[in-house]
């Protein structure tokens, strides 16, 4: 596995552990629908959080949160809608971002709840 892929996998593991330590249940990891993926689907207190994880070793190429493009948001919303319909869920949902920054062993995790809202058309 390429080094950057391993870094991303370990960072996603760190994000999932972060959520579980805060009382979330991890429902799915790397859930795919129609060539779109949600990194983590977590639940706490009757709310489903669709979580995008962004990892960076440093901020030389900008903040990790800046990598969440409009296209990425559309894809997450599309996949989240499919997940809710497939599981026939009647729960509140939100879209979170977790950034994991730094070298392995000294990473800083930041959880941004309600990082974005689905656009209204």
PDB file of N, CA and C in Angstrom:
ATOM      1  N   UNK A   1       0.846  -1.174   0.000  1.00  0.00           N
ATOM      2  CA  UNK A   1       0.000   0.000   0.000  1.00  0.00           C
ATOM      3  C   UNK A   1       0.894   1.241   0.000  1.00  0.00           C
ATOM      4  N   UNK A   2       0.531   2.226  -0.808  1.00  0.00           N
ATOM      5  CA  UNK A   2       1.302   3.460  -0.880  1.00  0.00           C
ATOM      6  C   UNK A   2       1.291   4.161   0.470  1.00  0.00           C
ATOM      7  N   UNK A   3       2.363   4.875   0.749  1.00  0.00           N
ATOM      8  CA  UNK A   3       2.523   5.524   2.045  1.00  0.00           C
ATOM      9  C   UNK A   3       1.388   6.506   2.336  1.00  0.00           C
ATOM     10  N   UNK A   4       0.956   7.275   1.324  1.00  0.00           N
ATOM     11  CA  UNK A   4      -0.121   8.233   1.561  1.00  0.00           C
ATOM     12  C   UNK A   4      -1.446   7.524   1.840  1.00  0.00           C
ATOM     13  N   UNK A   5      -1.677   6.355   1.213  1.00  0.00           N
ATOM     14  CA  UNK A   5      -2.898   5.593   1.491  1.00  0.00           C
ATOM     15  C   UNK A   5      -2.893   5.071   2.920  1.00  0.00           C
ATOM     16  N   UNK A   6      -1.741   4.604   3.372  1.00  0.00           N
ATOM     17  CA  UNK A   6      -1.600   4.113   4.748  1.00  0.00           C
ATOM     18  C   UNK A   6      -1.833   5.261   5.741  1.00  0.00           C
ATOM     19  N   UNK A   7      -1.290   6.416   5.441  1.00  0.00           N
ATOM     20  CA  UNK A   7      -1.487   7.594   6.289  1.00  0.00           C
ATOM     21  C   UNK A   7      -2.975   7.928   6.380  1.00  0.00           C
ATOM     22  N   UNK A   8      -3.673   7.879   5.257  1.00  0.00           N
ATOM     23  CA  UNK A   8      -5.104   8.159   5.242  1.00  0.00           C
ATOM     24  C   UNK A   8      -5.900   7.140   6.035  1.00  0.00           C
ATOM     25  N   UNK A   9      -5.561   5.863   5.899  1.00  0.00           N
ATOM     26  CA  UNK A   9      -6.268   4.814   6.636  1.00  0.00           C
ATOM     27  C   UNK A   9      -6.061   4.969   8.139  1.00  0.00           C
ATOM     28  N   UNK A  10      -4.828   5.215   8.536  1.00  0.00           N
ATOM     29  CA  UNK A  10      -4.540   5.401   9.964  1.00  0.00           C
ATOM     30  C   UNK A  10      -5.253   6.641  10.491  1.00  0.00           C
ATOM     31  N   UNK A  11      -5.308   7.684   9.706  1.00  0.00           N
ATOM     32  CA  UNK A  11      -6.002   8.913  10.120  1.00  0.00           C
ATOM     33  C   UNK A  11      -7.504   8.669  10.262  1.00  0.00           C
ATOM     34  N   UNK A  12      -8.091   7.881   9.364  1.00  0.00           N
ATOM     35  CA  UNK A  12      -9.511   7.526   9.499  1.00  0.00           C
ATOM     36  C   UNK A  12      -9.742   6.679  10.742  1.00  0.00           C
ATOM     37  N   UNK A  13      -8.809   5.776  11.037  1.00  0.00           N
ATOM     38  CA  UNK A  13      -8.910   4.999  12.278  1.00  0.00           C
ATOM     39  C   UNK A  13      -8.885   5.929  13.485  1.00  0.00           C
ATOM     40  N   UNK A  14      -8.022   6.911  13.441  1.00  0.00           N
ATOM     41  CA  UNK A  14      -7.913   7.885  14.544  1.00  0.00           C
ATOM     42  C   UNK A  14      -9.220   8.667  14.689  1.00  0.00           C
ATOM     43  N   UNK A  15      -9.818   9.058  13.580  1.00  0.00           N
ATOM     44  CA  UNK A  15     -11.086   9.793  13.613  1.00  0.00           C
ATOM     45  C   UNK A  15     -12.200   8.933  14.201  1.00  0.00           C
ATOM     46  N   UNK A  16     -12.269   7.663  13.798  1.00  0.00           N
ATOM     47  CA  UNK A  16     -13.291   6.757  14.331  1.00  0.00           C
ATOM     48  C   UNK A  16     -13.101   6.549  15.829  1.00  0.00           C
ATOM     49  N   UNK A  17     -11.862   6.382  16.267  1.00  0.00           N
ATOM     50  CA  UNK A  17     -11.583   6.217  17.702  1.00  0.00           C
ATOM     51  C   UNK A  17     -11.971   7.469  18.470  1.00  0.00           C
ATOM     52  N   UNK A  18     -11.719   8.625  17.882  1.00  0.00           N
ATOM     53  CA  UNK A  18     -12.096   9.903  18.487  1.00  0.00           C
ATOM     54  C   UNK A  18     -13.604   9.957  18.721  1.00  0.00           C
ATOM     55  N   UNK A  19     -14.363   9.582  17.701  1.00  0.00           N
ATOM     56  CA  UNK A  19     -15.826   9.595  17.825  1.00  0.00           C
ATOM     57  C   UNK A  19     -16.305   8.595  18.881  1.00  0.00           C
ATOM     58  N   UNK A  20     -15.775   7.392  18.857  1.00  0.00           N
ATOM     59  CA  UNK A  20     -16.200   6.374  19.826  1.00  0.00           C
ATOM     60  C   UNK A  20     -15.883   6.810  21.255  1.00  0.00           C
ATOM     61  N   UNK A  21     -14.754   7.468  21.457  1.00  0.00           N
ATOM     62  CA  UNK A  21     -14.384   7.950  22.790  1.00  0.00           C
ATOM     63  C   UNK A  21     -15.348   9.026  23.280  1.00  0.00           C
ATOM     64  N   UNK A  22     -16.086   9.623  22.367  1.00  0.00           N
ATOM     65  CA  UNK A  22     -17.057  10.658  22.722  1.00  0.00           C
ATOM     66  C   UNK A  22     -18.493  10.142  22.679  1.00  0.00           C
ATOM     67  N   UNK A  23     -18.640   8.832  22.688  1.00  0.00           N
ATOM     68  CA  UNK A  23     -19.958   8.229  22.820  1.00  0.00           C
ATOM     69  C   UNK A  23     -20.691   7.920  21.534  1.00  0.00           C
ATOM     70  N   UNK A  24     -20.060   8.072  20.406  1.00  0.00           N
ATOM     71  CA  UNK A  24     -20.689   7.748  19.124  1.00  0.00           C
ATOM     72  C   UNK A  24     -20.588   6.244  18.865  1.00  0.00           C
ATOM     73  N   UNK A  25     -21.576   5.725  18.176  1.00  0.00           N
ATOM     74  CA  UNK A  25     -21.533   4.375  17.642  1.00  0.00           C
ATOM     75  C   UNK A  25     -21.189   4.490  16.164  1.00  0.00           C
ATOM     76  N   UNK A  26     -20.219   3.724  15.725  1.00  0.00           N
ATOM     77  CA  UNK A  26     -19.856   3.736  14.311  1.00  0.00           C
ATOM     78  C   UNK A  26     -20.753   2.742  13.591  1.00  0.00           C
ATOM     79  N   UNK A  27     -21.599   3.249  12.718  1.00  0.00           N
ATOM     80  CA  UNK A  27     -22.512   2.394  11.953  1.00  0.00           C
ATOM     81  C   UNK A  27     -21.829   1.810  10.727  1.00  0.00           C
ATOM     82  N   UNK A  28     -21.016   2.612  10.074  1.00  0.00           N
ATOM     83  CA  UNK A  28     -20.354   2.184   8.830  1.00  0.00           C
ATOM     84  C   UNK A  28     -19.040   2.941   8.691  1.00  0.00           C
ATOM     85  N   UNK A  29     -18.136   2.296   7.964  1.00  0.00           N
ATOM     86  CA  UNK A  29     -16.901   2.969   7.545  1.00  0.00           C
ATOM     87  C   UNK A  29     -16.736   2.726   6.060  1.00  0.00           C
ATOM     88  N   UNK A  30     -16.349   3.762   5.350  1.00  0.00           N
ATOM     89  CA  UNK A  30     -16.126   3.690   3.901  1.00  0.00           C
ATOM     90  C   UNK A  30     -17.340   3.113   3.175  1.00  0.00           C
ATOM     91  N   UNK A  31     -18.507   3.641   3.511  1.00  0.00           N
ATOM     92  CA  UNK A  31     -19.754   3.189   2.897  1.00  0.00           C
ATOM     93  C   UNK A  31     -19.849   3.765   1.492  1.00  0.00           C
ATOM     94  N   UNK A  32     -20.123   2.910   0.528  1.00  0.00           N
ATOM     95  CA  UNK A  32     -20.149   3.331  -0.874  1.00  0.00           C
ATOM     96  C   UNK A  32     -21.541   3.175  -1.481  1.00  0.00           C
ATOM     97  N   UNK A  33     -21.843   4.129  -2.355  1.00  0.00           N
ATOM     98  CA  UNK A  33     -23.061   4.069  -3.158  1.00  0.00           C
ATOM     99  C   UNK A  33     -22.782   4.810  -4.460  1.00  0.00           C
ATOM    100  N   UNK A  34     -23.036   4.137  -5.572  1.00  0.00           N
ATOM    101  CA  UNK A  34     -22.943   4.789  -6.881  1.00  0.00           C
ATOM    102  C   UNK A  34     -21.610   5.540  -7.058  1.00  0.00           C
ATOM    103  N   UNK A  35     -20.513   4.875  -6.709  1.00  0.00           N
ATOM    104  CA  UNK A  35     -19.166   5.416  -6.838  1.00  0.00           C
ATOM    105  C   UNK A  35     -18.898   6.630  -5.947  1.00  0.00           C
ATOM    106  N   UNK A  36     -19.725   6.787  -4.938  1.00  0.00           N
ATOM    107  CA  UNK A  36     -19.531   7.845  -3.949  1.00  0.00           C
ATOM    108  C   UNK A  36     -19.288   7.181  -2.602  1.00  0.00           C
ATOM    109  N   UNK A  37     -18.537   7.839  -1.729  1.00  0.00           N
ATOM    110  CA  UNK A  37     -18.170   7.214  -0.467  1.00  0.00           C
ATOM    111  C   UNK A  37     -18.343   8.180   0.695  1.00  0.00           C
ATOM    112  N   UNK A  38     -18.799   7.628   1.817  1.00  0.00           N
ATOM    113  CA  UNK A  38     -18.829   8.357   3.084  1.00  0.00           C
ATOM    114  C   UNK A  38     -17.787   7.690   3.979  1.00  0.00           C
ATOM    115  N   UNK A  39     -16.858   8.465   4.515  1.00  0.00           N
ATOM    116  CA  UNK A  39     -15.774   7.891   5.306  1.00  0.00           C
ATOM    117  C   UNK A  39     -16.291   7.198   6.566  1.00  0.00           C
ATOM    118  N   UNK A  40     -17.118   7.911   7.331  1.00  0.00           N
ATOM    119  CA  UNK A  40     -17.663   7.359   8.578  1.00  0.00           C
ATOM    120  C   UNK A  40     -19.124   7.771   8.698  1.00  0.00           C
ATOM    121  N   UNK A  41     -19.952   6.804   9.074  1.00  0.00           N
ATOM    122  CA  UNK A  41     -21.344   7.102   9.427  1.00  0.00           C
ATOM    123  C   UNK A  41     -21.468   6.725  10.895  1.00  0.00           C
ATOM    124  N   UNK A  42     -21.748   7.727  11.713  1.00  0.00           N
ATOM    125  CA  UNK A  42     -21.785   7.541  13.165  1.00  0.00           C
ATOM    126  C   UNK A  42     -23.130   7.981  13.709  1.00  0.00           C
ATOM    127  N   UNK A  43     -23.464   7.484  14.889  1.00  0.00           N
ATOM    128  CA  UNK A  43     -24.738   7.830  15.504  1.00  0.00           C
ATOM    129  C   UNK A  43     -24.533   8.125  16.989  1.00  0.00           C
ATOM    130  N   UNK A  44     -25.251   9.155  17.447  1.00  0.00           N
ATOM    131  CA  UNK A  44     -25.249   9.506  18.872  1.00  0.00           C
ATOM    132  C   UNK A  44     -26.523  10.286  19.154  1.00  0.00           C
ATOM    133  N   UNK A  45     -27.200   9.890  20.222  1.00  0.00           N
ATOM    134  CA  UNK A  45     -28.396  10.612  20.671  1.00  0.00           C
ATOM    135  C   UNK A  45     -29.422  10.819  19.566  1.00  0.00           C
ATOM    136  N   UNK A  46     -29.662   9.795  18.772  1.00  0.00           N
ATOM    137  CA  UNK A  46     -30.689   9.871  17.742  1.00  0.00           C
ATOM    138  C   UNK A  46     -30.328  10.699  16.527  1.00  0.00           C
ATOM    139  N   UNK A  47     -29.052  11.016  16.369  1.00  0.00           N
ATOM    140  CA  UNK A  47     -28.586  11.793  15.215  1.00  0.00           C
ATOM    141  C   UNK A  47     -27.562  10.964  14.450  1.00  0.00           C
ATOM    142  N   UNK A  48     -27.744  10.909  13.131  1.00  0.00           N
ATOM    143  CA  UNK A  48     -26.770  10.252  12.266  1.00  0.00           C
ATOM    144  C   UNK A  48     -25.832  11.332  11.727  1.00  0.00           C
ATOM    145  N   UNK A  49     -24.531  11.116  11.906  1.00  0.00           N
ATOM    146  CA  UNK A  49     -23.527  12.045  11.388  1.00  0.00           C
ATOM    147  C   UNK A  49     -22.805  11.376  10.224  1.00  0.00           C
ATOM    148  N   UNK A  50     -22.872  12.005   9.073  1.00  0.00           N
ATOM    149  CA  UNK A  50     -22.117  11.575   7.906  1.00  0.00           C
ATOM    150  C   UNK A  50     -20.811  12.370   7.948  1.00  0.00           C
ATOM    151  N   UNK A  51     -19.712  11.663   8.156  1.00  0.00           N
ATOM    152  CA  UNK A  51     -18.443  12.317   8.470  1.00  0.00           C
ATOM    153  C   UNK A  51     -17.438  12.150   7.339  1.00  0.00           C
ATOM    154  N   UNK A  52     -16.938  13.260   6.873  1.00  0.00           N
ATOM    155  CA  UNK A  52     -15.838  13.278   5.920  1.00  0.00           C
ATOM    156  C   UNK A  52     -14.552  13.508   6.710  1.00  0.00           C
ATOM    157  N   UNK A  53     -13.568  12.656   6.496  1.00  0.00           N
ATOM    158  CA  UNK A  53     -12.290  12.778   7.191  1.00  0.00           C
ATOM    159  C   UNK A  53     -11.259  13.316   6.207  1.00  0.00           C
ATOM    160  N   UNK A  54     -10.565  14.352   6.613  1.00  0.00           N
ATOM    161  CA  UNK A  54      -9.483  14.910   5.800  1.00  0.00           C
ATOM    162  C   UNK A  54      -8.220  14.916   6.636  1.00  0.00           C
ATOM    163  N   UNK A  55      -7.159  14.352   6.094  1.00  0.00           N
ATOM    164  CA  UNK A  55      -5.895  14.237   6.813  1.00  0.00           C
ATOM    165  C   UNK A  55      -4.786  14.951   6.054  1.00  0.00           C
ATOM    166  N   UNK A  56      -3.932  15.602   6.807  1.00  0.00           N
ATOM    167  CA  UNK A  56      -2.771  16.287   6.245  1.00  0.00           C
ATOM    168  C   UNK A  56      -1.602  16.115   7.216  1.00  0.00           C
ATOM    169  N   UNK A  57      -0.434  15.924   6.663  1.00  0.00           N
ATOM    170  CA  UNK A  57       0.768  15.856   7.505  1.00  0.00           C
ATOM    171  C   UNK A  57       1.152  17.236   8.013  1.00  0.00           C
ATOM    172  N   UNK A  58       0.834  18.263   7.214  1.00  0.00           N
ATOM    173  CA  UNK A  58       1.131  19.647   7.590  1.00  0.00           C
ATOM    174  C   UNK A  58       0.187  20.552   6.816  1.00  0.00           C
ATOM    175  N   UNK A  59       0.332  21.845   6.993  1.00  0.00           N
ATOM    176  CA  UNK A  59      -0.570  22.774   6.305  1.00  0.00           C
ATOM    177  C   UNK A  59       0.105  23.497   5.132  1.00  0.00           C
ATOM    178  N   UNK A  60       1.154  22.905   4.576  1.00  0.00           N
ATOM    179  CA  UNK A  60       1.858  23.532   3.461  1.00  0.00           C
ATOM    180  C   UNK A  60       0.972  23.723   2.238  1.00  0.00           C
ATOM    181  N   UNK A  61      -0.028  22.856   2.078  1.00  0.00           N
ATOM    182  CA  UNK A  61      -0.922  22.959   0.925  1.00  0.00           C
ATOM    183  C   UNK A  61      -2.302  23.438   1.343  1.00  0.00           C
ATOM    184  N   UNK A  62      -2.387  24.127   2.459  1.00  0.00           N
ATOM    185  CA  UNK A  62      -3.645  24.660   2.946  1.00  0.00           C
ATOM    186  C   UNK A  62      -4.248  23.788   4.033  1.00  0.00           C
ATOM    187  N   UNK A  63      -5.286  24.308   4.636  1.00  0.00           N
ATOM    188  CA  UNK A  63      -5.987  23.572   5.681  1.00  0.00           C
ATOM    189  C   UNK A  63      -6.731  22.390   5.089  1.00  0.00           C
ATOM    190  N   UNK A  64      -6.836  21.336   5.856  1.00  0.00           N
ATOM    191  CA  UNK A  64      -7.530  20.129   5.395  1.00  0.00           C
ATOM    192  C   UNK A  64      -8.983  20.438   5.045  1.00  0.00           C
ATOM    193  N   UNK A  65      -9.617  21.306   5.811  1.00  0.00           N
ATOM    194  CA  UNK A  65     -11.033  21.634   5.582  1.00  0.00           C
ATOM    195  C   UNK A  65     -11.237  22.250   4.199  1.00  0.00           C
ATOM    196  N   UNK A  66     -10.205  22.898   3.669  1.00  0.00           N
ATOM    197  CA  UNK A  66     -10.321  23.527   2.346  1.00  0.00           C
ATOM    198  C   UNK A  66     -10.435  22.511   1.221  1.00  0.00           C
ATOM    199  N   UNK A  67     -10.150  21.246   1.511  1.00  0.00           N
ATOM    200  CA  UNK A  67     -10.250  20.189   0.500  1.00  0.00           C
ATOM    201  C   UNK A  67     -11.683  19.702   0.318  1.00  0.00           C
ATOM    202  N   UNK A  68     -12.613  20.236   1.099  1.00  0.00           N
ATOM    203  CA  UNK A  68     -14.023  19.862   0.961  1.00  0.00           C
ATOM    204  C   UNK A  68     -14.627  20.783  -0.107  1.00  0.00           C
ATOM    205  N   UNK A  69     -14.693  20.279  -1.319  1.00  0.00           N
ATOM    206  CA  UNK A  69     -15.183  21.063  -2.455  1.00  0.00           C
ATOM    207  C   UNK A  69     -16.706  20.951  -2.576  1.00  0.00           C
ATOM    208  N   UNK A  70     -17.285  21.803  -3.388  1.00  0.00           N
ATOM    209  CA  UNK A  70     -18.725  21.728  -3.655  1.00  0.00           C
ATOM    210  C   UNK A  70     -19.093  20.369  -4.242  1.00  0.00           C
ATOM    211  N   UNK A  71     -18.242  19.832  -5.114  1.00  0.00           N
ATOM    212  CA  UNK A  71     -18.495  18.530  -5.706  1.00  0.00           C
ATOM    213  C   UNK A  71     -18.484  17.441  -4.631  1.00  0.00           C
ATOM    214  N   UNK A  72     -17.541  17.524  -3.696  1.00  0.00           N
ATOM    215  CA  UNK A  72     -17.473  16.551  -2.604  1.00  0.00           C
ATOM    216  C   UNK A  72     -18.737  16.632  -1.756  1.00  0.00           C
ATOM    217  N   UNK A  73     -19.204  17.826  -1.487  1.00  0.00           N
ATOM    218  CA  UNK A  73     -20.426  18.010  -0.699  1.00  0.00           C
ATOM    219  C   UNK A  73     -21.610  17.377  -1.421  1.00  0.00           C
ATOM    220  N   UNK A  74     -21.734  17.609  -2.726  1.00  0.00           N
ATOM    221  CA  UNK A  74     -22.825  17.005  -3.490  1.00  0.00           C
ATOM    222  C   UNK A  74     -22.765  15.480  -3.426  1.00  0.00           C
ATOM    223  N   UNK A  75     -21.577  14.928  -3.558  1.00  0.00           N
ATOM    224  CA  UNK A  75     -21.417  13.474  -3.496  1.00  0.00           C
ATOM    225  C   UNK A  75     -21.786  12.922  -2.120  1.00  0.00           C
ATOM    226  N   UNK A  76     -21.382  13.602  -1.063  1.00  0.00           N
ATOM    227  CA  UNK A  76     -21.730  13.165   0.294  1.00  0.00           C
ATOM    228  C   UNK A  76     -23.238  13.204   0.511  1.00  0.00           C
ATOM    229  N   UNK A  77     -23.875  14.246   0.047  1.00  0.00           N
ATOM    230  CA  UNK A  77     -25.325  14.371   0.200  1.00  0.00           C
ATOM    231  C   UNK A  77     -26.033  13.270  -0.569  1.00  0.00           C
ATOM    232  N   UNK A  78     -25.570  12.995  -1.768  1.00  0.00           N
ATOM    233  CA  UNK A  78     -26.150  11.928  -2.594  1.00  0.00           C
ATOM    234  C   UNK A  78     -26.029  10.578  -1.885  1.00  0.00           C
ATOM    235  N   UNK A  79     -24.839  10.280  -1.375  1.00  0.00           N
ATOM    236  CA  UNK A  79     -24.619   9.005  -0.684  1.00  0.00           C
ATOM    237  C   UNK A  79     -25.422   8.948   0.619  1.00  0.00           C
ATOM    238  N   UNK A  80     -25.481  10.041   1.355  1.00  0.00           N
ATOM    239  CA  UNK A  80     -26.239  10.070   2.606  1.00  0.00           C
ATOM    240  C   UNK A  80     -27.720   9.824   2.357  1.00  0.00           C
ATOM    241  N   UNK A  81     -28.250  10.436   1.314  1.00  0.00           N
ATOM    242  CA  UNK A  81     -29.653  10.230   0.961  1.00  0.00           C
ATOM    243  C   UNK A  81     -29.917   8.754   0.662  1.00  0.00           C
ATOM    244  N   UNK A  82     -29.017   8.134  -0.087  1.00  0.00           N
ATOM    245  CA  UNK A  82     -29.168   6.706  -0.405  1.00  0.00           C
ATOM    246  C   UNK A  82     -29.107   5.856   0.865  1.00  0.00           C
ATOM    247  N   UNK A  83     -28.219   6.197   1.776  1.00  0.00           N
ATOM    248  CA  UNK A  83     -28.074   5.440   3.027  1.00  0.00           C
ATOM    249  C   UNK A  83     -29.355   5.535   3.862  1.00  0.00           C
ATOM    250  N   UNK A  84     -29.883   6.733   3.995  1.00  0.00           N
ATOM    251  CA  UNK A  84     -31.110   6.946   4.781  1.00  0.00           C
ATOM    252  C   UNK A  84     -32.269   6.176   4.154  1.00  0.00           C
ATOM    253  N   UNK A  85     -32.402   6.234   2.854  1.00  0.00           N
ATOM    254  CA  UNK A  85     -33.484   5.509   2.177  1.00  0.00           C
ATOM    255  C   UNK A  85     -33.317   4.000   2.282  1.00  0.00           C
ATOM    256  N   UNK A  86     -32.104   3.526   2.076  1.00  0.00           N
ATOM    257  CA  UNK A  86     -31.836   2.082   2.107  1.00  0.00           C
ATOM    258  C   UNK A  86     -32.165   1.498   3.482  1.00  0.00           C
ATOM    259  N   UNK A  87     -31.799   2.216   4.523  1.00  0.00           N
ATOM    260  CA  UNK A  87     -32.024   1.730   5.891  1.00  0.00           C
ATOM    261  C   UNK A  87     -33.351   2.215   6.482  1.00  0.00           C
ATOM    262  N   UNK A  88     -34.100   2.962   5.680  1.00  0.00           N
ATOM    263  CA  UNK A  88     -35.402   3.485   6.108  1.00  0.00           C
ATOM    264  C   UNK A  88     -35.322   4.173   7.473  1.00  0.00           C
ATOM    265  N   UNK A  89     -34.374   5.076   7.570  1.00  0.00           N
ATOM    266  CA  UNK A  89     -34.124   5.773   8.832  1.00  0.00           C
ATOM    267  C   UNK A  89     -35.049   6.972   8.978  1.00  0.00           C
ATOM    268  N   UNK A  90     -35.470   7.188  10.185  1.00  0.00           N
ATOM    269  CA  UNK A  90     -36.266   8.366  10.513  1.00  0.00           C
ATOM    270  C   UNK A  90     -35.576   9.076  11.676  1.00  0.00           C
ATOM    271  N   UNK A  91     -34.352   9.490  11.413  1.00  0.00           N
ATOM    272  CA  UNK A  91     -33.532  10.164  12.412  1.00  0.00           C
ATOM    273  C   UNK A  91     -33.039  11.487  11.848  1.00  0.00           C
ATOM    274  N   UNK A  92     -32.642  12.373  12.726  1.00  0.00           N
ATOM    275  CA  UNK A  92     -32.003  13.605  12.274  1.00  0.00           C
ATOM    276  C   UNK A  92     -30.643  13.264  11.693  1.00  0.00           C
ATOM    277  N   UNK A  93     -30.231  14.030  10.699  1.00  0.00           N
ATOM    278  CA  UNK A  93     -28.906  13.815  10.124  1.00  0.00           C
ATOM    279  C   UNK A  93     -28.147  15.132  10.116  1.00  0.00           C
ATOM    280  N   UNK A  94     -26.840  14.992  10.043  1.00  0.00           N
ATOM    281  CA  UNK A  94     -25.990  16.171   9.867  1.00  0.00           C
ATOM    282  C   UNK A  94     -24.726  15.730   9.144  1.00  0.00           C
ATOM    283  N   UNK A  95     -23.985  16.706   8.666  1.00  0.00           N
ATOM    284  CA  UNK A  95     -22.747  16.461   7.935  1.00  0.00           C
ATOM    285  C   UNK A  95     -21.598  17.086   8.714  1.00  0.00           C
ATOM    286  N   UNK A  96     -20.682  16.235   9.146  1.00  0.00           N
ATOM    287  CA  UNK A  96     -19.538  16.663   9.942  1.00  0.00           C
ATOM    288  C   UNK A  96     -18.256  16.483   9.137  1.00  0.00           C
ATOM    289  N   UNK A  97     -17.234  17.181   9.561  1.00  0.00           N
ATOM    290  CA  UNK A  97     -15.891  16.998   9.023  1.00  0.00           C
ATOM    291  C   UNK A  97     -14.960  16.786  10.209  1.00  0.00           C
ATOM    292  N   UNK A  98     -14.085  15.813  10.065  1.00  0.00           N
ATOM    293  CA  UNK A  98     -13.011  15.632  11.042  1.00  0.00           C
ATOM    294  C   UNK A  98     -11.703  15.829  10.300  1.00  0.00           C
ATOM    295  N   UNK A  99     -10.889  16.756  10.802  1.00  0.00           N
ATOM    296  CA  UNK A  99      -9.559  16.947  10.237  1.00  0.00           C
ATOM    297  C   UNK A  99      -8.547  16.296  11.182  1.00  0.00           C
ATOM    298  N   UNK A 100      -7.586  15.638  10.576  1.00  0.00           N
ATOM    299  CA  UNK A 100      -6.507  14.996  11.320  1.00  0.00           C
ATOM    300  C   UNK A 100      -5.216  15.557  10.731  1.00  0.00           C
ATOM    301  N   UNK A 101      -4.485  16.306  11.557  1.00  0.00           N
ATOM    302  CA  UNK A 101      -3.314  17.018  11.058  1.00  0.00           C
ATOM    303  C   UNK A 101      -2.077  16.627  11.856  1.00  0.00           C
ATOM    304  N   UNK A 102      -0.979  16.414  11.154  1.00  0.00           N
ATOM    305  CA  UNK A 102       0.291  16.125  11.803  1.00  0.00           C
ATOM    306  C   UNK A 102       0.816  14.759  11.427  1.00  0.00           C
ATOM    307  N   UNK A 103       2.019  14.503  11.835  1.00  0.00           N
ATOM    308  CA  UNK A 103       2.659  13.220  11.583  1.00  0.00           C
ATOM    309  C   UNK A 103       2.066  12.158  12.497  1.00  0.00           C
ATOM    310  N   UNK A 104       2.147  10.918  12.066  1.00  0.00           N
ATOM    311  CA  UNK A 104       1.644   9.814  12.872  1.00  0.00           C
ATOM    312  C   UNK A 104       2.279   9.853  14.252  1.00  0.00           C
ATOM    313  N   UNK A 105       1.449   9.646  15.261  1.00  0.00           N
ATOM    314  CA  UNK A 105       1.920   9.676  16.636  1.00  0.00           C
ATOM    315  C   UNK A 105       1.759  11.025  17.302  1.00  0.00           C
ATOM    316  N   UNK A 106       1.593  12.066  16.506  1.00  0.00           N
ATOM    317  CA  UNK A 106       1.405  13.399  17.088  1.00  0.00           C
ATOM    318  C   UNK A 106       0.305  14.162  16.350  1.00  0.00           C
ATOM    319  N   UNK A 107      -0.702  13.437  15.907  1.00  0.00           N
ATOM    320  CA  UNK A 107      -1.776  14.061  15.143  1.00  0.00           C
ATOM    321  C   UNK A 107      -2.741  14.818  16.046  1.00  0.00           C
ATOM    322  N   UNK A 108      -3.272  15.881  15.498  1.00  0.00           N
ATOM    323  CA  UNK A 108      -4.289  16.681  16.168  1.00  0.00           C
ATOM    324  C   UNK A 108      -5.604  16.437  15.434  1.00  0.00           C
ATOM    325  N   UNK A 109      -6.652  16.111  16.202  1.00  0.00           N
ATOM    326  CA  UNK A 109      -7.967  15.821  15.632  1.00  0.00           C
ATOM    327  C   UNK A 109      -8.897  16.989  15.948  1.00  0.00           C
ATOM    328  N   UNK A 110      -9.591  17.469  14.923  1.00  0.00           N
ATOM    329  CA  UNK A 110     -10.598  18.518  15.110  1.00  0.00           C
ATOM    330  C   UNK A 110     -11.907  18.024  14.504  1.00  0.00           C
ATOM    331  N   UNK A 111     -12.978  18.088  15.300  1.00  0.00           N
ATOM    332  CA  UNK A 111     -14.298  17.636  14.865  1.00  0.00           C
ATOM    333  C   UNK A 111     -15.174  18.866  14.654  1.00  0.00           C
ATOM    334  N   UNK A 112     -15.650  19.041  13.438  1.00  0.00           N
ATOM    335  CA  UNK A 112     -16.521  20.172  13.106  1.00  0.00           C
ATOM    336  C   UNK A 112     -17.910  19.611  12.837  1.00  0.00           C
ATOM    337  N   UNK A 113     -18.802  19.793  13.811  1.00  0.00           N
ATOM    338  CA  UNK A 113     -20.176  19.337  13.651  1.00  0.00           C
ATOM    339  C   UNK A 113     -20.924  20.324  12.752  1.00  0.00           C
ATOM    340  N   UNK A 114     -21.893  19.778  11.988  1.00  0.00           N
ATOM    341  CA  UNK A 114     -22.664  20.626  11.068  1.00  0.00           C
ATOM    342  C   UNK A 114     -21.738  21.481  10.206  1.00  0.00           C
ATOM    343  N   UNK A 115     -20.737  20.846   9.634  1.00  0.00           N
ATOM    344  CA  UNK A 115     -19.747  21.569   8.834  1.00  0.00           C
ATOM    345  C   UNK A 115     -20.358  22.237   7.610  1.00  0.00           C
ATOM    346  N   UNK A 116     -21.423  21.627   7.091  1.00  0.00           N
ATOM    347  CA  UNK A 116     -22.147  22.210   5.974  1.00  0.00           C
ATOM    348  C   UNK A 116     -23.565  21.680   5.988  1.00  0.00           C
ATOM    349  N   UNK A 117     -24.431  22.381   5.287  1.00  0.00           N
ATOM    350  CA  UNK A 117     -25.827  21.987   5.165  1.00  0.00           C
ATOM    351  C   UNK A 117     -26.134  21.688   3.712  1.00  0.00           C
ATOM    352  N   UNK A 118     -27.016  20.730   3.468  1.00  0.00           N
ATOM    353  CA  UNK A 118     -27.390  20.475   2.065  1.00  0.00           C
ATOM    354  C   UNK A 118     -27.991  21.729   1.443  1.00  0.00           C
ATOM    355  N   UNK A 119     -27.622  22.022   0.218  1.00  0.00           N
ATOM    356  CA  UNK A 119     -28.205  23.203  -0.454  1.00  0.00           C
ATOM    357  C   UNK A 119     -29.696  22.960  -0.723  1.00  0.00           C
ATOM    358  N   UNK A 120     -30.429  24.043  -0.723  1.00  0.00           N
ATOM    359  CA  UNK A 120     -31.857  23.985  -1.020  1.00  0.00           C
ATOM    360  C   UNK A 120     -32.058  24.350  -2.481  1.00  0.00           C
ATOM    361  N   UNK A 121     -32.762  23.507  -3.197  1.00  0.00           N
ATOM    362  CA  UNK A 121     -33.013  23.781  -4.631  1.00  0.00           C
ATOM    363  C   UNK A 121     -34.465  24.110  -4.848  1.00  0.00           C
TER     364      UNK A 121
END
